Amino acid sequence: MFAALAGFAAPYKIIGSATEYVRTGDQGAKFIFRFCPVCGTNLFHTEEGVSGRVSVAVGAFADPGFPAPQVSVYDCRRHPWVQLPPGAVAFKKDPP
């Protein structure tokens, strides 16, 4: 699986409806993913028990100038053809 996400801190506002799916991470954390109820597009996710943070799928932004990623998590699963930009910090799994 490959995803490009942008993380944001509160305050943020979520409007509209979404379908939810809960996924348990390798270390037991539960992530609540929200999808468009019409087309199924992944929109954003939050971590259960962690307030004030949201991760939004970069594809949800119609901005060709969106900044390059600065961090890669689960880099052990990155396909070799996916190249990180210079200076990006990579964590084999979840950062400590």
PDB file of N, CA and C in Angstrom:
ATOM      1  N   MET A   1       0.846  -1.162   0.000  1.00  0.00           N
ATOM      2  CA  MET A   1       0.000   0.000   0.000  1.00  0.00           C
ATOM      3  C   MET A   1       0.898   1.233   0.000  1.00  0.00           C
ATOM      4  N   PHE A   2       0.483   2.256  -0.698  1.00  0.00           N
ATOM      5  CA  PHE A   2       1.234   3.493  -0.787  1.00  0.00           C
ATOM      6  C   PHE A   2       0.261   4.653  -0.619  1.00  0.00           C
ATOM      7  N   ALA A   3       0.631   5.613   0.182  1.00  0.00           N
ATOM      8  CA  ALA A   3      -0.225   6.779   0.385  1.00  0.00           C
ATOM      9  C   ALA A   3       0.633   8.006   0.604  1.00  0.00           C
ATOM     10  N   ALA A   4       0.171   9.115   0.085  1.00  0.00           N
ATOM     11  CA  ALA A   4       0.795  10.404   0.358  1.00  0.00           C
ATOM     12  C   ALA A   4      -0.206  11.197   1.182  1.00  0.00           C
ATOM     13  N   LEU A   5       0.216  11.582   2.380  1.00  0.00           N
ATOM     14  CA  LEU A   5      -0.690  12.247   3.317  1.00  0.00           C
ATOM     15  C   LEU A   5      -0.107  13.569   3.778  1.00  0.00           C
ATOM     16  N   ALA A   6      -0.985  14.501   4.082  1.00  0.00           N
ATOM     17  CA  ALA A   6      -0.599  15.772   4.686  1.00  0.00           C
ATOM     18  C   ALA A   6      -1.226  15.821   6.069  1.00  0.00           C
ATOM     19  N   GLY A   7      -0.410  16.031   7.097  1.00  0.00           N
ATOM     20  CA  GLY A   7      -0.907  16.079   8.467  1.00  0.00           C
ATOM     21  C   GLY A   7      -1.172  17.495   8.914  1.00  0.00           C
ATOM     22  N   PHE A   8      -2.266  17.689   9.615  1.00  0.00           N
ATOM     23  CA  PHE A   8      -2.651  19.007  10.106  1.00  0.00           C
ATOM     24  C   PHE A   8      -3.056  18.914  11.575  1.00  0.00           C
ATOM     25  N   ALA A   9      -2.758  19.966  12.307  1.00  0.00           N
ATOM     26  CA  ALA A   9      -3.155  20.072  13.712  1.00  0.00           C
ATOM     27  C   ALA A   9      -4.413  20.926  13.805  1.00  0.00           C
ATOM     28  N   ALA A  10      -5.135  20.776  14.899  1.00  0.00           N
ATOM     29  CA  ALA A  10      -6.327  21.591  15.143  1.00  0.00           C
ATOM     30  C   ALA A  10      -5.917  23.059  15.208  1.00  0.00           C
ATOM     31  N   PRO A  11      -6.780  23.964  14.875  1.00  0.00           N
ATOM     32  CA  PRO A  11      -8.191  23.743  14.586  1.00  0.00           C
ATOM     33  C   PRO A  11      -8.417  23.378  13.111  1.00  0.00           C
ATOM     34  N   TYR A  12      -9.338  22.477  12.885  1.00  0.00           N
ATOM     35  CA  TYR A  12      -9.799  22.144  11.549  1.00  0.00           C
ATOM     36  C   TYR A  12     -11.286  21.821  11.668  1.00  0.00           C
ATOM     37  N   LYS A  13     -11.982  21.866  10.541  1.00  0.00           N
ATOM     38  CA  LYS A  13     -13.418  21.626  10.549  1.00  0.00           C
ATOM     39  C   LYS A  13     -13.749  20.590   9.488  1.00  0.00           C
ATOM     40  N   ILE A  14     -14.493  19.585   9.870  1.00  0.00           N
ATOM     41  CA  ILE A  14     -14.917  18.536   8.945  1.00  0.00           C
ATOM     42  C   ILE A  14     -16.407  18.725   8.696  1.00  0.00           C
ATOM     43  N   ILE A  15     -16.766  18.822   7.415  1.00  0.00           N
ATOM     44  CA  ILE A  15     -18.179  18.964   7.060  1.00  0.00           C
ATOM     45  C   ILE A  15     -18.556  17.888   6.052  1.00  0.00           C
ATOM     46  N   GLY A  16     -19.787  17.483   6.062  1.00  0.00           N
ATOM     47  CA  GLY A  16     -20.251  16.473   5.124  1.00  0.00           C
ATOM     48  C   GLY A  16     -20.229  15.087   5.741  1.00  0.00           C
ATOM     49  N   SER A  17     -20.639  14.128   4.928  1.00  0.00           N
ATOM     50  CA  SER A  17     -20.704  12.757   5.434  1.00  0.00           C
ATOM     51  C   SER A  17     -19.566  11.929   4.844  1.00  0.00           C
ATOM     52  N   ALA A  18     -19.219  10.868   5.546  1.00  0.00           N
ATOM     53  CA  ALA A  18     -18.165   9.970   5.096  1.00  0.00           C
ATOM     54  C   ALA A  18     -18.446   8.570   5.621  1.00  0.00           C
ATOM     55  N   THR A  19     -17.976   7.597   4.884  1.00  0.00           N
ATOM     56  CA  THR A  19     -18.026   6.216   5.320  1.00  0.00           C
ATOM     57  C   THR A  19     -16.753   5.951   6.116  1.00  0.00           C
ATOM     58  N   GLU A  20     -16.859   5.210   7.208  1.00  0.00           N
ATOM     59  CA  GLU A  20     -15.695   4.975   8.066  1.00  0.00           C
ATOM     60  C   GLU A  20     -15.254   3.521   8.018  1.00  0.00           C
ATOM     61  N   TYR A  21     -13.949   3.350   8.147  1.00  0.00           N
ATOM     62  CA  TYR A  21     -13.347   2.031   8.255  1.00  0.00           C
ATOM     63  C   TYR A  21     -12.234   2.129   9.287  1.00  0.00           C
ATOM     64  N   VAL A  22     -12.208   1.227  10.271  1.00  0.00           N
ATOM     65  CA  VAL A  22     -11.181   1.236  11.310  1.00  0.00           C
ATOM     66  C   VAL A  22     -10.137   0.175  10.975  1.00  0.00           C
ATOM     67  N   ARG A  23      -8.886   0.599  10.963  1.00  0.00           N
ATOM     68  CA  ARG A  23      -7.758  -0.310  10.691  1.00  0.00           C
ATOM     69  C   ARG A  23      -6.841  -0.287  11.905  1.00  0.00           C
ATOM     70  N   THR A  24      -6.398  -1.449  12.334  1.00  0.00           N
ATOM     71  CA  THR A  24      -5.471  -1.552  13.459  1.00  0.00           C
ATOM     72  C   THR A  24      -4.052  -1.624  12.920  1.00  0.00           C
ATOM     73  N   GLY A  25      -3.184  -0.741  13.414  1.00  0.00           N
ATOM     74  CA  GLY A  25      -1.795  -0.702  12.988  1.00  0.00           C
ATOM     75  C   GLY A  25      -0.978  -1.821  13.601  1.00  0.00           C
ATOM     76  N   ASP A  26       0.263  -1.960  13.139  1.00  0.00           N
ATOM     77  CA  ASP A  26       1.159  -3.019  13.608  1.00  0.00           C
ATOM     78  C   ASP A  26       1.380  -2.976  15.119  1.00  0.00           C
ATOM     79  N   GLN A  27       1.316  -1.778  15.712  1.00  0.00           N
ATOM     80  CA  GLN A  27       1.581  -1.645  17.141  1.00  0.00           C
ATOM     81  C   GLN A  27       0.300  -1.497  17.957  1.00  0.00           C
ATOM     82  N   GLY A  28      -0.860  -1.777  17.328  1.00  0.00           N
ATOM     83  CA  GLY A  28      -2.122  -1.792  18.048  1.00  0.00           C
ATOM     84  C   GLY A  28      -2.938  -0.512  17.988  1.00  0.00           C
ATOM     85  N   ALA A  29      -2.380   0.568  17.442  1.00  0.00           N
ATOM     86  CA  ALA A  29      -3.149   1.816  17.328  1.00  0.00           C
ATOM     87  C   ALA A  29      -4.285   1.620  16.324  1.00  0.00           C
ATOM     88  N   LYS A  30      -5.410   2.258  16.593  1.00  0.00           N
ATOM     89  CA  LYS A  30      -6.560   2.163  15.695  1.00  0.00           C
ATOM     90  C   LYS A  30      -6.696   3.471  14.921  1.00  0.00           C
ATOM     91  N   PHE A  31      -6.782   3.340  13.601  1.00  0.00           N
ATOM     92  CA  PHE A  31      -6.903   4.491  12.708  1.00  0.00           C
ATOM     93  C   PHE A  31      -8.269   4.450  12.050  1.00  0.00           C
ATOM     94  N   ILE A  32      -8.971   5.594  12.090  1.00  0.00           N
ATOM     95  CA  ILE A  32     -10.307   5.681  11.517  1.00  0.00           C
ATOM     96  C   ILE A  32     -10.183   6.395  10.176  1.00  0.00           C
ATOM     97  N   PHE A  33     -10.348   5.633   9.091  1.00  0.00           N
ATOM     98  CA  PHE A  33     -10.261   6.163   7.738  1.00  0.00           C
ATOM     99  C   PHE A  33     -11.646   6.581   7.281  1.00  0.00           C
ATOM    100  N   ARG A  34     -11.727   7.727   6.619  1.00  0.00           N
ATOM    101  CA  ARG A  34     -13.009   8.228   6.098  1.00  0.00           C
ATOM    102  C   ARG A  34     -12.929   8.274   4.576  1.00  0.00           C
ATOM    103  N   PHE A  35     -14.008   7.796   3.955  1.00  0.00           N
ATOM    104  CA  PHE A  35     -14.095   7.695   2.505  1.00  0.00           C
ATOM    105  C   PHE A  35     -15.339   8.416   2.005  1.00  0.00           C
ATOM    106  N   CYS A  36     -15.294   8.893   0.761  1.00  0.00           N
ATOM    107  CA  CYS A  36     -16.483   9.477   0.138  1.00  0.00           C
ATOM    108  C   CYS A  36     -17.539   8.386   0.031  1.00  0.00           C
ATOM    109  N   PRO A  37     -18.770   8.644   0.537  1.00  0.00           N
ATOM    110  CA  PRO A  37     -19.803   7.607   0.498  1.00  0.00           C
ATOM    111  C   PRO A  37     -20.333   7.340  -0.914  1.00  0.00           C
ATOM    112  N   VAL A  38     -20.005   8.200  -1.861  1.00  0.00           N
ATOM    113  CA  VAL A  38     -20.481   8.019  -3.232  1.00  0.00           C
ATOM    114  C   VAL A  38     -19.470   7.260  -4.086  1.00  0.00           C
ATOM    115  N   CYS A  39     -18.202   7.718  -4.098  1.00  0.00           N
ATOM    116  CA  CYS A  39     -17.206   7.114  -5.001  1.00  0.00           C
ATOM    117  C   CYS A  39     -16.158   6.271  -4.281  1.00  0.00           C
ATOM    118  N   GLY A  40     -16.092   6.354  -2.954  1.00  0.00           N
ATOM    119  CA  GLY A  40     -15.149   5.546  -2.191  1.00  0.00           C
ATOM    120  C   GLY A  40     -13.751   6.108  -2.078  1.00  0.00           C
ATOM    121  N   THR A  41     -13.535   7.332  -2.540  1.00  0.00           N
ATOM    122  CA  THR A  41     -12.215   7.945  -2.452  1.00  0.00           C
ATOM    123  C   THR A  41     -11.792   8.122  -1.000  1.00  0.00           C
ATOM    124  N   ASN A  42     -10.543   7.748  -0.682  1.00  0.00           N
ATOM    125  CA  ASN A  42      -9.984   7.951   0.652  1.00  0.00           C
ATOM    126  C   ASN A  42      -9.788   9.450   0.854  1.00  0.00           C
ATOM    127  N   LEU A  43     -10.372  10.002   1.896  1.00  0.00           N
ATOM    128  CA  LEU A  43     -10.306  11.440   2.118  1.00  0.00           C
ATOM    129  C   LEU A  43      -9.349  11.822   3.237  1.00  0.00           C
ATOM    130  N   PHE A  44      -9.528  11.219   4.415  1.00  0.00           N
ATOM    131  CA  PHE A  44      -8.680  11.570   5.556  1.00  0.00           C
ATOM    132  C   PHE A  44      -8.788  10.489   6.616  1.00  0.00           C
ATOM    133  N   HIS A  45      -7.883  10.563   7.600  1.00  0.00           N
ATOM    134  CA  HIS A  45      -7.996   9.643   8.729  1.00  0.00           C
ATOM    135  C   HIS A  45      -7.483  10.299  10.001  1.00  0.00           C
ATOM    136  N   THR A  46      -7.949   9.743  11.118  1.00  0.00           N
ATOM    137  CA  THR A  46      -7.519  10.176  12.444  1.00  0.00           C
ATOM    138  C   THR A  46      -7.132   8.923  13.230  1.00  0.00           C
ATOM    139  N   GLU A  47      -6.417   9.147  14.329  1.00  0.00           N
ATOM    140  CA  GLU A  47      -6.038   8.027  15.183  1.00  0.00           C
ATOM    141  C   GLU A  47      -6.939   8.037  16.413  1.00  0.00           C
ATOM    142  N   GLU A  48      -7.518   6.889  16.723  1.00  0.00           N
ATOM    143  CA  GLU A  48      -8.396   6.772  17.883  1.00  0.00           C
ATOM    144  C   GLU A  48      -7.624   7.157  19.144  1.00  0.00           C
ATOM    145  N   GLY A  49      -8.215   8.033  19.953  1.00  0.00           N
ATOM    146  CA  GLY A  49      -7.594   8.461  21.196  1.00  0.00           C
ATOM    147  C   GLY A  49      -6.617   9.614  21.048  1.00  0.00           C
ATOM    148  N   VAL A  50      -6.367  10.055  19.831  1.00  0.00           N
ATOM    149  CA  VAL A  50      -5.462  11.194  19.590  1.00  0.00           C
ATOM    150  C   VAL A  50      -6.302  12.322  19.012  1.00  0.00           C
ATOM    151  N   SER A  51      -6.496  13.368  19.801  1.00  0.00           N
ATOM    152  CA  SER A  51      -7.330  14.468  19.325  1.00  0.00           C
ATOM    153  C   SER A  51      -6.459  15.586  18.746  1.00  0.00           C
ATOM    154  N   GLY A  52      -7.067  16.367  17.886  1.00  0.00           N
ATOM    155  CA  GLY A  52      -6.391  17.544  17.357  1.00  0.00           C
ATOM    156  C   GLY A  52      -5.443  17.290  16.201  1.00  0.00           C
ATOM    157  N   ARG A  53      -5.490  16.106  15.580  1.00  0.00           N
ATOM    158  CA  ARG A  53      -4.634  15.781  14.430  1.00  0.00           C
ATOM    159  C   ARG A  53      -5.469  15.083  13.367  1.00  0.00           C
ATOM    160  N   VAL A  54      -5.217  15.438  12.127  1.00  0.00           N
ATOM    161  CA  VAL A  54      -5.884  14.790  11.001  1.00  0.00           C
ATOM    162  C   VAL A  54      -4.869  14.617   9.881  1.00  0.00           C
ATOM    163  N   SER A  55      -4.970  13.506   9.174  1.00  0.00           N
ATOM    164  CA  SER A  55      -4.131  13.254   8.004  1.00  0.00           C
ATOM    165  C   SER A  55      -5.038  13.204   6.789  1.00  0.00           C
ATOM    166  N   VAL A  56      -4.718  14.023   5.794  1.00  0.00           N
ATOM    167  CA  VAL A  56      -5.549  14.161   4.600  1.00  0.00           C
ATOM    168  C   VAL A  56      -4.794  13.595   3.408  1.00  0.00           C
ATOM    169  N   ALA A  57      -5.484  12.825   2.585  1.00  0.00           N
ATOM    170  CA  ALA A  57      -4.880  12.300   1.360  1.00  0.00           C
ATOM    171  C   ALA A  57      -4.496  13.471   0.453  1.00  0.00           C
ATOM    172  N   VAL A  58      -3.237  13.510   0.025  1.00  0.00           N
ATOM    173  CA  VAL A  58      -2.747  14.618  -0.800  1.00  0.00           C
ATOM    174  C   VAL A  58      -3.524  14.710  -2.106  1.00  0.00           C
ATOM    175  N   GLY A  59      -4.011  13.584  -2.595  1.00  0.00           N
ATOM    176  CA  GLY A  59      -4.807  13.600  -3.821  1.00  0.00           C
ATOM    177  C   GLY A  59      -6.097  14.395  -3.700  1.00  0.00           C
ATOM    178  N   ALA A  60      -6.512  14.725  -2.475  1.00  0.00           N
ATOM    179  CA  ALA A  60      -7.720  15.517  -2.270  1.00  0.00           C
ATOM    180  C   ALA A  60      -7.491  16.999  -2.570  1.00  0.00           C
ATOM    181  N   PHE A  61      -6.227  17.390  -2.727  1.00  0.00           N
ATOM    182  CA  PHE A  61      -5.898  18.784  -3.014  1.00  0.00           C
ATOM    183  C   PHE A  61      -5.650  18.954  -4.510  1.00  0.00           C
ATOM    184  N   ALA A  62      -6.323  19.897  -5.130  1.00  0.00           N
ATOM    185  CA  ALA A  62      -6.110  20.186  -6.554  1.00  0.00           C
ATOM    186  C   ALA A  62      -5.005  21.230  -6.673  1.00  0.00           C
ATOM    187  N   ASP A  63      -3.810  20.876  -6.218  1.00  0.00           N
ATOM    188  CA  ASP A  63      -2.693  21.820  -6.193  1.00  0.00           C
ATOM    189  C   ASP A  63      -1.438  21.135  -6.727  1.00  0.00           C
ATOM    190  N   PRO A  64      -1.060  21.391  -7.987  1.00  0.00           N
ATOM    191  CA  PRO A  64       0.139  20.756  -8.535  1.00  0.00           C
ATOM    192  C   PRO A  64       1.416  21.215  -7.840  1.00  0.00           C
ATOM    193  N   GLY A  65       1.351  22.307  -7.093  1.00  0.00           N
ATOM    194  CA  GLY A  65       2.512  22.808  -6.363  1.00  0.00           C
ATOM    195  C   GLY A  65       2.555  22.360  -4.915  1.00  0.00           C
ATOM    196  N   PHE A  66       1.743  21.340  -4.572  1.00  0.00           N
ATOM    197  CA  PHE A  66       1.709  20.866  -3.188  1.00  0.00           C
ATOM    198  C   PHE A  66       3.119  20.460  -2.771  1.00  0.00           C
ATOM    199  N   PRO A  67       3.559  20.828  -1.570  1.00  0.00           N
ATOM    200  CA  PRO A  67       4.933  20.520  -1.147  1.00  0.00           C
ATOM    201  C   PRO A  67       5.239  19.018  -1.122  1.00  0.00           C
ATOM    202  N   ALA A  68       6.477  18.699  -1.404  1.00  0.00           N
ATOM    203  CA  ALA A  68       6.936  17.303  -1.381  1.00  0.00           C
ATOM    204  C   ALA A  68       6.931  16.787   0.054  1.00  0.00           C
ATOM    205  N   PRO A  69       6.853  15.471   0.229  1.00  0.00           N
ATOM    206  CA  PRO A  69       6.861  14.914   1.582  1.00  0.00           C
ATOM    207  C   PRO A  69       8.191  15.166   2.295  1.00  0.00           C
ATOM    208  N   GLN A  70       8.095  15.309   3.607  1.00  0.00           N
ATOM    209  CA  GLN A  70       9.282  15.515   4.440  1.00  0.00           C
ATOM    210  C   GLN A  70       9.610  14.278   5.270  1.00  0.00           C
ATOM    211  N   VAL A  71       8.621  13.384   5.432  1.00  0.00           N
ATOM    212  CA  VAL A  71       8.772  12.197   6.275  1.00  0.00           C
ATOM    213  C   VAL A  71       8.150  11.002   5.556  1.00  0.00           C
ATOM    214  N   SER A  72       8.790   9.852   5.689  1.00  0.00           N
ATOM    215  CA  SER A  72       8.246   8.595   5.181  1.00  0.00           C
ATOM    216  C   SER A  72       8.177   7.611   6.338  1.00  0.00           C
ATOM    217  N   VAL A  73       6.978   7.082   6.603  1.00  0.00           N
ATOM    218  CA  VAL A  73       6.839   6.051   7.630  1.00  0.00           C
ATOM    219  C   VAL A  73       6.557   4.734   6.930  1.00  0.00           C
ATOM    220  N   TYR A  74       6.879   3.650   7.595  1.00  0.00           N
ATOM    221  CA  TYR A  74       6.793   2.315   7.005  1.00  0.00           C
ATOM    222  C   TYR A  74       7.604   2.256   5.719  1.00  0.00           C
ATOM    223  N   ASP A  75       8.786   2.851   5.775  1.00  0.00           N
ATOM    224  CA  ASP A  75       9.658   2.879   4.607  1.00  0.00           C
ATOM    225  C   ASP A  75      10.077   1.466   4.196  1.00  0.00           C
ATOM    226  N   CYS A  76       9.982   0.511   5.126  1.00  0.00           N
ATOM    227  CA  CYS A  76      10.306  -0.883   4.800  1.00  0.00           C
ATOM    228  C   CYS A  76       9.348  -1.439   3.759  1.00  0.00           C
ATOM    229  N   ARG A  77       8.189  -0.799   3.589  1.00  0.00           N
ATOM    230  CA  ARG A  77       7.191  -1.258   2.616  1.00  0.00           C
ATOM    231  C   ARG A  77       7.198  -0.433   1.328  1.00  0.00           C
ATOM    232  N   ARG A  78       8.068   0.546   1.254  1.00  0.00           N
ATOM    233  CA  ARG A  78       8.103   1.424   0.067  1.00  0.00           C
ATOM    234  C   ARG A  78       8.624   0.654  -1.140  1.00  0.00           C
ATOM    235  N   HIS A  79       7.936   0.784  -2.249  1.00  0.00           N
ATOM    236  CA  HIS A  79       8.400   0.176  -3.493  1.00  0.00           C
ATOM    237  C   HIS A  79       9.706   0.845  -3.909  1.00  0.00           C
ATOM    238  N   PRO A  80      10.642   0.094  -4.453  1.00  0.00           N
ATOM    239  CA  PRO A  80      11.938   0.676  -4.821  1.00  0.00           C
ATOM    240  C   PRO A  80      11.831   1.760  -5.893  1.00  0.00           C
ATOM    241  N   TRP A  81      10.749   1.761  -6.675  1.00  0.00           N
ATOM    242  CA  TRP A  81      10.597   2.776  -7.708  1.00  0.00           C
ATOM    243  C   TRP A  81      10.055   4.100  -7.165  1.00  0.00           C
ATOM    244  N   VAL A  82       9.631   4.135  -5.898  1.00  0.00           N
ATOM    245  CA  VAL A  82       9.186   5.376  -5.266  1.00  0.00           C
ATOM    246  C   VAL A  82      10.407   6.055  -4.653  1.00  0.00           C
ATOM    247  N   GLN A  83      10.775   7.194  -5.182  1.00  0.00           N
ATOM    248  CA  GLN A  83      11.945   7.929  -4.706  1.00  0.00           C
ATOM    249  C   GLN A  83      11.518   9.054  -3.767  1.00  0.00           C
ATOM    250  N   LEU A  84      12.170   9.155  -2.626  1.00  0.00           N
ATOM    251  CA  LEU A  84      11.892  10.236  -1.682  1.00  0.00           C
ATOM    252  C   LEU A  84      12.697  11.463  -2.086  1.00  0.00           C
ATOM    253  N   PRO A  85      12.169  12.655  -1.813  1.00  0.00           N
ATOM    254  CA  PRO A  85      12.924  13.868  -2.130  1.00  0.00           C
ATOM    255  C   PRO A  85      14.141  14.003  -1.219  1.00  0.00           C
ATOM    256  N   PRO A  86      15.161  14.708  -1.674  1.00  0.00           N
ATOM    257  CA  PRO A  86      16.347  14.915  -0.826  1.00  0.00           C
ATOM    258  C   PRO A  86      15.959  15.538   0.517  1.00  0.00           C
ATOM    259  N   GLY A  87      16.567  15.041   1.574  1.00  0.00           N
ATOM    260  CA  GLY A  87      16.315  15.573   2.912  1.00  0.00           C
ATOM    261  C   GLY A  87      15.142  14.951   3.638  1.00  0.00           C
ATOM    262  N   ALA A  88      14.357  14.093   2.959  1.00  0.00           N
ATOM    263  CA  ALA A  88      13.214  13.450   3.626  1.00  0.00           C
ATOM    264  C   ALA A  88      13.730  12.471   4.681  1.00  0.00           C
ATOM    265  N   VAL A  89      13.068  12.450   5.828  1.00  0.00           N
ATOM    266  CA  VAL A  89      13.422  11.538   6.915  1.00  0.00           C
ATOM    267  C   VAL A  89      12.593  10.270   6.753  1.00  0.00           C
ATOM    268  N   ALA A  90      13.242   9.114   6.803  1.00  0.00           N
ATOM    269  CA  ALA A  90      12.543   7.845   6.619  1.00  0.00           C
ATOM    270  C   ALA A  90      12.626   7.000   7.891  1.00  0.00           C
ATOM    271  N   PHE A  91      11.475   6.457   8.295  1.00  0.00           N
ATOM    272  CA  PHE A  91      11.389   5.542   9.430  1.00  0.00           C
ATOM    273  C   PHE A  91      11.001   4.171   8.893  1.00  0.00           C
ATOM    274  N   LYS A  92      11.691   3.134   9.338  1.00  0.00           N
ATOM    275  CA  LYS A  92      11.407   1.780   8.870  1.00  0.00           C
ATOM    276  C   LYS A  92       9.938   1.419   9.110  1.00  0.00           C
ATOM    277  N   LYS A  93       9.431   1.754  10.307  1.00  0.00           N
ATOM    278  CA  LYS A  93       8.018   1.542  10.640  1.00  0.00           C
ATOM    279  C   LYS A  93       7.489   2.849  11.222  1.00  0.00           C
ATOM    280  N   ASP A  94       6.748   2.782  12.327  1.00  0.00           N
ATOM    281  CA  ASP A  94       6.268   4.003  12.989  1.00  0.00           C
ATOM    282  C   ASP A  94       7.422   4.701  13.689  1.00  0.00           C
ATOM    283  N   PRO A  95       7.454   6.040  13.650  1.00  0.00           N
ATOM    284  CA  PRO A  95       8.488   6.741  14.421  1.00  0.00           C
ATOM    285  C   PRO A  95       8.251   6.568  15.914  1.00  0.00           C
ATOM    286  N   PRO A  96       9.329   6.654  16.703  1.00  0.00           N
ATOM    287  CA  PRO A  96       9.175   6.504  18.169  1.00  0.00           C
ATOM    288  C   PRO A  96       8.364   7.629  18.789  1.00  0.00           C
TER     289      PRO A  96
END
